[in-house]
């Protein structure tokens, strides 16, 4: 899972749609002042891509089978 920090606008949609609660709002801010999301529990990711599909800013990308 890759999060493009500078694209994230802290909307929280990805956090809301994740069925396994992988993501959470981080404490650090990007250059635009938003607290970007972080994969707090990446081992729980099932690769459903709901976060990727829901993100209006194309800030999340899932790599399925990437090891």
Protein backbone atom coordinates (compact mmCIF):
# COMPACT_ATOMS: atom_id res chain seq x y z
CA UNK A 1 0.00 0.00 0.00
CA UNK A 2 1.34 3.38 -1.01
CA UNK A 3 0.02 6.71 0.22
CA UNK A 4 1.00 9.81 -1.73
CA UNK A 5 1.21 12.16 1.24
CA UNK A 6 1.07 15.39 -0.74
CA UNK A 7 -2.19 14.39 -2.44
CA UNK A 8 -4.05 13.49 0.75
CA UNK A 9 -6.57 16.10 1.93
CA UNK A 10 -7.57 14.38 5.19
CA UNK A 11 -11.13 13.68 4.02
CA UNK A 12 -11.21 10.32 5.82
CA UNK A 13 -13.19 8.46 3.15
CA UNK A 14 -10.56 5.74 2.90
CA UNK A 15 -10.62 5.21 6.66
CA UNK A 16 -14.41 4.93 6.59
CA UNK A 17 -14.64 2.39 3.74
CA UNK A 18 -11.83 0.04 4.81
CA UNK A 19 -13.46 -3.21 6.01
CA UNK A 20 -10.43 -4.23 8.10
CA UNK A 21 -9.56 -0.78 9.51
CA UNK A 22 -6.03 -0.70 8.09
CA UNK A 23 -5.81 3.07 7.76
CA UNK A 24 -5.83 5.85 10.30
CA UNK A 25 -5.16 9.56 10.30
CA UNK A 26 -1.50 10.24 11.01
CA UNK A 27 -0.09 12.88 13.34
CA UNK A 28 2.26 14.45 10.79
CA UNK A 29 1.09 16.99 8.22
CA UNK A 30 1.90 17.36 4.54
CA UNK A 31 3.07 20.66 3.02
CA UNK A 32 -0.57 21.75 2.58
CA UNK A 33 -1.31 21.31 6.29
CA UNK A 34 -3.35 18.10 6.10
CA UNK A 35 -2.76 15.10 8.32
CA UNK A 36 -2.35 12.36 5.75
CA UNK A 37 -3.47 8.79 6.33
CA UNK A 38 -1.07 6.04 7.28
CA UNK A 39 -1.39 2.26 6.97
CA UNK A 40 -1.39 1.57 10.72
CA UNK A 41 -2.17 -2.15 10.29
CA UNK A 42 -0.88 -3.12 6.81
CA UNK A 43 -0.88 -6.83 7.67
CA UNK A 44 -4.69 -6.68 7.84
CA UNK A 45 -5.05 -5.39 4.26
CA UNK A 46 -7.03 -7.87 2.14
CA UNK A 47 -6.37 -6.07 -1.15
CA UNK A 48 -9.99 -5.10 -1.79
CA UNK A 49 -8.93 -1.66 -3.07
CA UNK A 50 -11.93 0.11 -1.53
CA UNK A 51 -9.63 2.84 -0.22
CA UNK A 52 -8.02 3.27 -3.63
CA UNK A 53 -11.37 3.41 -5.45
CA UNK A 54 -12.88 5.84 -2.93
CA UNK A 55 -10.03 8.35 -2.68
CA UNK A 56 -11.08 11.48 -4.61
CA UNK A 57 -7.47 12.68 -4.83
CA UNK A 58 -5.83 9.46 -6.09
CA UNK A 59 -3.58 9.40 -3.03
CA UNK A 60 -3.72 5.64 -2.30
CA UNK A 61 -2.46 2.78 -4.43
CA UNK A 62 -2.68 -0.91 -3.56
CA UNK A 63 -0.10 -3.37 -4.83
CA UNK A 64 -1.65 -6.83 -4.89
CA UNK A 65 0.77 -9.74 -4.78
CA UNK A 66 3.76 -7.47 -4.45
CA UNK A 67 5.27 -9.54 -1.69
